[in-house]
């Protein structure tokens, strides 16, 4: 087994894009950002501190921002990578870097357990509407399942599916 912090260091571009995804959704929802750390050698590897969103729905969007941003960026980078690395046996330096970049970005798409804790608190301590709790509670469960799945390389499998197999399937 490889310790998680080593994987995080090796895939640091994905952490940077993950935090950028939170920041983008903060801006789109009109939620003030207090502090951003895109990457550091510590736990957590990055973070975005923001004001409390004006609704639970905005909180959910901010929490799931990386899923949308990292998945899209990983897919786009994968499209570029497949143009430079059609032959996996000889992808070339640029193709290899693009493949690594695409997969590392896509594999950090899942919201973190910190995101799950924040969403859970907002759902159950903030007097959220029943519909938000009905929608949000299973989403928090899925975040924790994703974290558990990362023990079995689910995040890497997802990253490869989005960044490599997805664009290859699209391009035929």
C-alpha atoms as a PDB file:
ATOM      1  CA  UNK A   1       0.000   0.000   0.000  1.00  0.00           C
ATOM      2  CA  UNK A   2       1.183   3.490  -0.816  1.00  0.00           C
ATOM      3  CA  UNK A   3       0.472   6.110   1.871  1.00  0.00           C
ATOM      4  CA  UNK A   4      -2.174   8.630   0.824  1.00  0.00           C
ATOM      5  CA  UNK A   5       0.080  11.640   1.308  1.00  0.00           C
ATOM      6  CA  UNK A   6       2.513  10.287  -1.303  1.00  0.00           C
ATOM      7  CA  UNK A   7      -0.337   9.852  -3.799  1.00  0.00           C
ATOM      8  CA  UNK A   8      -1.443  13.401  -2.997  1.00  0.00           C
ATOM      9  CA  UNK A   9       2.067  14.749  -3.619  1.00  0.00           C
ATOM     10  CA  UNK A  10       2.381  12.845  -6.889  1.00  0.00           C
ATOM     11  CA  UNK A  11      -0.996  14.115  -8.084  1.00  0.00           C
ATOM     12  CA  UNK A  12      -0.778  17.661  -6.702  1.00  0.00           C
ATOM     13  CA  UNK A  13      -2.292  19.298  -9.824  1.00  0.00           C
ATOM     14  CA  UNK A  14      -5.535  17.507  -8.984  1.00  0.00           C
ATOM     15  CA  UNK A  15      -5.531  18.989  -5.477  1.00  0.00           C
ATOM     16  CA  UNK A  16      -5.001  22.468  -6.911  1.00  0.00           C
ATOM     17  CA  UNK A  17      -7.904  22.068  -9.357  1.00  0.00           C
ATOM     18  CA  UNK A  18     -10.067  20.538  -6.560  1.00  0.00           C
ATOM     19  CA  UNK A  19      -9.650  23.658  -4.417  1.00  0.00           C
ATOM     20  CA  UNK A  20     -10.131  25.860  -7.470  1.00  0.00           C
ATOM     21  CA  UNK A  21     -13.440  24.027  -8.039  1.00  0.00           C
ATOM     22  CA  UNK A  22     -14.622  25.015  -4.557  1.00  0.00           C
ATOM     23  CA  UNK A  23     -13.499  28.593  -5.124  1.00  0.00           C
ATOM     24  CA  UNK A  24     -15.252  28.847  -8.505  1.00  0.00           C
ATOM     25  CA  UNK A  25     -18.539  27.617  -7.028  1.00  0.00           C
ATOM     26  CA  UNK A  26     -18.173  30.062  -4.136  1.00  0.00           C
ATOM     27  CA  UNK A  27     -17.871  32.880  -6.662  1.00  0.00           C
ATOM     28  CA  UNK A  28     -20.788  31.576  -8.753  1.00  0.00           C
ATOM     29  CA  UNK A  29     -23.039  31.337  -5.686  1.00  0.00           C
ATOM     30  CA  UNK A  30     -22.003  34.755  -4.351  1.00  0.00           C
ATOM     31  CA  UNK A  31     -20.328  33.235  -1.284  1.00  0.00           C
ATOM     32  CA  UNK A  32     -17.386  35.284   0.018  1.00  0.00           C
ATOM     33  CA  UNK A  33     -14.064  33.442   0.146  1.00  0.00           C
ATOM     34  CA  UNK A  34     -11.878  34.234   3.173  1.00  0.00           C
ATOM     35  CA  UNK A  35      -8.784  32.172   2.431  1.00  0.00           C
ATOM     36  CA  UNK A  36      -7.540  29.729  -0.205  1.00  0.00           C
ATOM     37  CA  UNK A  37      -4.645  27.281   0.000  1.00  0.00           C
ATOM     38  CA  UNK A  38      -4.349  25.446  -3.301  1.00  0.00           C
ATOM     39  CA  UNK A  39      -1.664  23.028  -2.143  1.00  0.00           C
ATOM     40  CA  UNK A  40       0.595  22.403   0.834  1.00  0.00           C
ATOM     41  CA  UNK A  41       2.563  19.514   2.265  1.00  0.00           C
ATOM     42  CA  UNK A  42       0.182  18.863   5.136  1.00  0.00           C
ATOM     43  CA  UNK A  43      -3.268  17.637   6.020  1.00  0.00           C
ATOM     44  CA  UNK A  44      -5.419  18.791   4.412  1.00  0.00           C
ATOM     45  CA  UNK A  45      -3.341  19.265   1.293  1.00  0.00           C
ATOM     46  CA  UNK A  46      -5.490  22.257   0.325  1.00  0.00           C
ATOM     47  CA  UNK A  47      -8.559  24.129   1.487  1.00  0.00           C
ATOM     48  CA  UNK A  48     -10.977  26.971   0.812  1.00  0.00           C
ATOM     49  CA  UNK A  49     -12.392  28.879   3.759  1.00  0.00           C
ATOM     50  CA  UNK A  50     -15.560  30.738   2.906  1.00  0.00           C
ATOM     51  CA  UNK A  51     -18.488  32.478   4.525  1.00  0.00           C
ATOM     52  CA  UNK A  52     -21.626  30.496   5.209  1.00  0.00           C
ATOM     53  CA  UNK A  53     -23.622  30.284   1.952  1.00  0.00           C
ATOM     54  CA  UNK A  54     -27.052  31.905   1.953  1.00  0.00           C
ATOM     55  CA  UNK A  55     -28.767  28.552   1.288  1.00  0.00           C
ATOM     56  CA  UNK A  56     -28.133  24.868   1.788  1.00  0.00           C
ATOM     57  CA  UNK A  57     -28.410  24.376  -1.974  1.00  0.00           C
ATOM     58  CA  UNK A  58     -25.470  26.739  -2.490  1.00  0.00           C
ATOM     59  CA  UNK A  59     -23.562  24.809   0.190  1.00  0.00           C
ATOM     60  CA  UNK A  60     -24.167  21.589  -1.769  1.00  0.00           C
ATOM     61  CA  UNK A  61     -22.988  23.206  -5.015  1.00  0.00           C
ATOM     62  CA  UNK A  62     -19.796  24.442  -3.344  1.00  0.00           C
ATOM     63  CA  UNK A  63     -19.168  21.010  -1.816  1.00  0.00           C
ATOM     64  CA  UNK A  64     -19.614  19.276  -5.150  1.00  0.00           C
ATOM     65  CA  UNK A  65     -17.751  21.929  -7.168  1.00  0.00           C
ATOM     66  CA  UNK A  66     -14.660  19.738  -7.551  1.00  0.00           C
ATOM     67  CA  UNK A  67     -16.721  16.873  -8.961  1.00  0.00           C
ATOM     68  CA  UNK A  68     -17.880  19.145 -11.773  1.00  0.00           C
ATOM     69  CA  UNK A  69     -14.670  21.153 -12.300  1.00  0.00           C
ATOM     70  CA  UNK A  70     -12.122  18.332 -11.925  1.00  0.00           C
ATOM     71  CA  UNK A  71     -14.143  15.903 -14.025  1.00  0.00           C
ATOM     72  CA  UNK A  72     -14.528  18.470 -16.815  1.00  0.00           C
ATOM     73  CA  UNK A  73     -10.889  19.567 -16.681  1.00  0.00           C
ATOM     74  CA  UNK A  74      -9.657  15.955 -16.531  1.00  0.00           C
ATOM     75  CA  UNK A  75     -11.806  15.016 -19.517  1.00  0.00           C
ATOM     76  CA  UNK A  76     -10.608  18.028 -21.532  1.00  0.00           C
ATOM     77  CA  UNK A  77      -6.964  17.330 -20.660  1.00  0.00           C
ATOM     78  CA  UNK A  78      -7.609  13.698 -21.593  1.00  0.00           C
ATOM     79  CA  UNK A  79      -8.848  14.803 -25.011  1.00  0.00           C
ATOM     80  CA  UNK A  80      -5.643  16.775 -25.526  1.00  0.00           C
ATOM     81  CA  UNK A  81      -3.537  13.862 -24.209  1.00  0.00           C
ATOM     82  CA  UNK A  82      -5.132  11.346 -26.557  1.00  0.00           C
ATOM     83  CA  UNK A  83      -4.174  13.556 -29.505  1.00  0.00           C
ATOM     84  CA  UNK A  84      -0.510  13.416 -28.394  1.00  0.00           C
ATOM     85  CA  UNK A  85      -0.388   9.851 -27.098  1.00  0.00           C
ATOM     86  CA  UNK A  86      -2.407   7.595 -29.381  1.00  0.00           C
ATOM     87  CA  UNK A  87       0.192   4.858 -28.950  1.00  0.00           C
ATOM     88  CA  UNK A  88       0.380   4.025 -25.231  1.00  0.00           C
ATOM     89  CA  UNK A  89       3.664   2.171 -25.778  1.00  0.00           C
ATOM     90  CA  UNK A  90       5.297   5.368 -27.097  1.00  0.00           C
ATOM     91  CA  UNK A  91       3.336   8.376 -25.810  1.00  0.00           C
ATOM     92  CA  UNK A  92       6.347  10.698 -25.923  1.00  0.00           C
ATOM     93  CA  UNK A  93       7.274  13.108 -23.154  1.00  0.00           C
ATOM     94  CA  UNK A  94       4.481  15.599 -23.812  1.00  0.00           C
ATOM     95  CA  UNK A  95       1.901  12.833 -24.163  1.00  0.00           C
ATOM     96  CA  UNK A  96       3.077  11.227 -20.920  1.00  0.00           C
ATOM     97  CA  UNK A  97       2.908  14.533 -19.040  1.00  0.00           C
ATOM     98  CA  UNK A  98      -0.563  15.243 -20.407  1.00  0.00           C
ATOM     99  CA  UNK A  99      -1.794  11.759 -19.445  1.00  0.00           C
ATOM    100  CA  UNK A 100      -0.406  12.182 -15.897  1.00  0.00           C
ATOM    101  CA  UNK A 101      -1.930  15.656 -15.642  1.00  0.00           C
ATOM    102  CA  UNK A 102      -5.345  14.543 -16.919  1.00  0.00           C
ATOM    103  CA  UNK A 103      -5.546  11.524 -14.620  1.00  0.00           C
ATOM    104  CA  UNK A 104      -4.236  13.400 -11.578  1.00  0.00           C
ATOM    105  CA  UNK A 105      -6.821  16.154 -12.074  1.00  0.00           C
ATOM    106  CA  UNK A 106      -9.706  13.742 -12.662  1.00  0.00           C
ATOM    107  CA  UNK A 107      -8.824  11.475  -9.735  1.00  0.00           C
ATOM    108  CA  UNK A 108      -9.262  14.404  -7.312  1.00  0.00           C
ATOM    109  CA  UNK A 109     -12.848  14.963  -8.461  1.00  0.00           C
ATOM    110  CA  UNK A 110     -14.467  13.379  -5.425  1.00  0.00           C
ATOM    111  CA  UNK A 111     -15.455  15.721  -2.602  1.00  0.00           C
ATOM    112  CA  UNK A 112     -13.357  15.126   0.510  1.00  0.00           C
ATOM    113  CA  UNK A 113     -14.506  13.859   3.889  1.00  0.00           C
ATOM    114  CA  UNK A 114     -13.995  17.459   5.068  1.00  0.00           C
ATOM    115  CA  UNK A 115     -16.533  18.507   2.434  1.00  0.00           C
ATOM    116  CA  UNK A 116     -18.888  15.789   3.719  1.00  0.00           C
ATOM    117  CA  UNK A 117     -18.545  16.971   7.341  1.00  0.00           C
ATOM    118  CA  UNK A 118     -19.224  20.566   6.327  1.00  0.00           C
ATOM    119  CA  UNK A 119     -22.289  19.568   4.315  1.00  0.00           C
ATOM    120  CA  UNK A 120     -23.576  17.324   7.118  1.00  0.00           C
ATOM    121  CA  UNK A 121     -23.325  20.174   9.629  1.00  0.00           C
ATOM    122  CA  UNK A 122     -25.108  22.538   7.268  1.00  0.00           C
ATOM    123  CA  UNK A 123     -27.863  19.974   6.688  1.00  0.00           C
ATOM    124  CA  UNK A 124     -28.530  19.006  10.282  1.00  0.00           C
ATOM    125  CA  UNK A 125     -27.424  21.933  12.426  1.00  0.00           C
ATOM    126  CA  UNK A 126     -28.689  24.763  10.276  1.00  0.00           C
ATOM    127  CA  UNK A 127     -32.409  24.068  10.228  1.00  0.00           C
ATOM    128  CA  UNK A 128     -32.337  23.061   6.572  1.00  0.00           C
ATOM    129  CA  UNK A 129     -35.540  22.299   4.657  1.00  0.00           C
ATOM    130  CA  UNK A 130     -36.687  18.678   4.626  1.00  0.00           C
ATOM    131  CA  UNK A 131     -36.134  18.386   0.865  1.00  0.00           C
ATOM    132  CA  UNK A 132     -32.509  19.499   1.253  1.00  0.00           C
ATOM    133  CA  UNK A 133     -32.002  16.869   3.951  1.00  0.00           C
ATOM    134  CA  UNK A 134     -33.599  14.193   1.762  1.00  0.00           C
ATOM    135  CA  UNK A 135     -31.314  15.106  -1.146  1.00  0.00           C
ATOM    136  CA  UNK A 136     -28.202  15.957   0.862  1.00  0.00           C
ATOM    137  CA  UNK A 137     -28.028  13.037   3.285  1.00  0.00           C
ATOM    138  CA  UNK A 138     -27.447  10.361   0.618  1.00  0.00           C
ATOM    139  CA  UNK A 139     -24.920  12.661  -1.062  1.00  0.00           C
ATOM    140  CA  UNK A 140     -22.921  12.817   2.166  1.00  0.00           C
ATOM    141  CA  UNK A 141     -23.092   9.012   2.292  1.00  0.00           C
ATOM    142  CA  UNK A 142     -21.785   8.818  -1.277  1.00  0.00           C
ATOM    143  CA  UNK A 143     -18.859  11.081  -0.372  1.00  0.00           C
ATOM    144  CA  UNK A 144     -17.914   8.722   2.461  1.00  0.00           C
ATOM    145  CA  UNK A 145     -18.303   5.705   0.167  1.00  0.00           C
ATOM    146  CA  UNK A 146     -15.993   7.402  -2.311  1.00  0.00           C
ATOM    147  CA  UNK A 147     -13.441   7.970   0.458  1.00  0.00           C
ATOM    148  CA  UNK A 148     -13.710   4.316   1.446  1.00  0.00           C
ATOM    149  CA  UNK A 149     -13.409   3.325  -2.210  1.00  0.00           C
ATOM    150  CA  UNK A 150     -10.161   5.259  -2.514  1.00  0.00           C
ATOM    151  CA  UNK A 151      -8.588   2.530  -0.361  1.00  0.00           C
ATOM    152  CA  UNK A 152      -9.314   0.262  -3.329  1.00  0.00           C
ATOM    153  CA  UNK A 153      -8.107   2.858  -5.874  1.00  0.00           C
ATOM    154  CA  UNK A 154     -11.618   4.001  -6.855  1.00  0.00           C
ATOM    155  CA  UNK A 155     -10.338   7.553  -7.304  1.00  0.00           C
ATOM    156  CA  UNK A 156      -7.604   6.356  -9.685  1.00  0.00           C
ATOM    157  CA  UNK A 157     -10.080   4.181 -11.599  1.00  0.00           C
ATOM    158  CA  UNK A 158     -12.443   7.156 -11.884  1.00  0.00           C
ATOM    159  CA  UNK A 159      -9.568   9.400 -12.991  1.00  0.00           C
ATOM    160  CA  UNK A 160      -8.535   6.944 -15.685  1.00  0.00           C
ATOM    161  CA  UNK A 161     -12.132   6.500 -16.836  1.00  0.00           C
ATOM    162  CA  UNK A 162     -12.714  10.234 -17.153  1.00  0.00           C
ATOM    163  CA  UNK A 163      -9.311  11.285 -18.463  1.00  0.00           C
ATOM    164  CA  UNK A 164      -8.255   8.388 -20.629  1.00  0.00           C
ATOM    165  CA  UNK A 165     -10.997   5.923 -21.481  1.00  0.00           C
ATOM    166  CA  UNK A 166     -13.704   8.588 -21.852  1.00  0.00           C
ATOM    167  CA  UNK A 167     -11.920  10.656 -24.497  1.00  0.00           C
ATOM    168  CA  UNK A 168     -10.706   7.526 -26.291  1.00  0.00           C
ATOM    169  CA  UNK A 169     -14.287   6.261 -26.479  1.00  0.00           C
ATOM    170  CA  UNK A 170     -15.456   9.638 -27.745  1.00  0.00           C
ATOM    171  CA  UNK A 171     -12.801   9.805 -30.433  1.00  0.00           C
ATOM    172  CA  UNK A 172     -13.155   6.141 -31.353  1.00  0.00           C
END
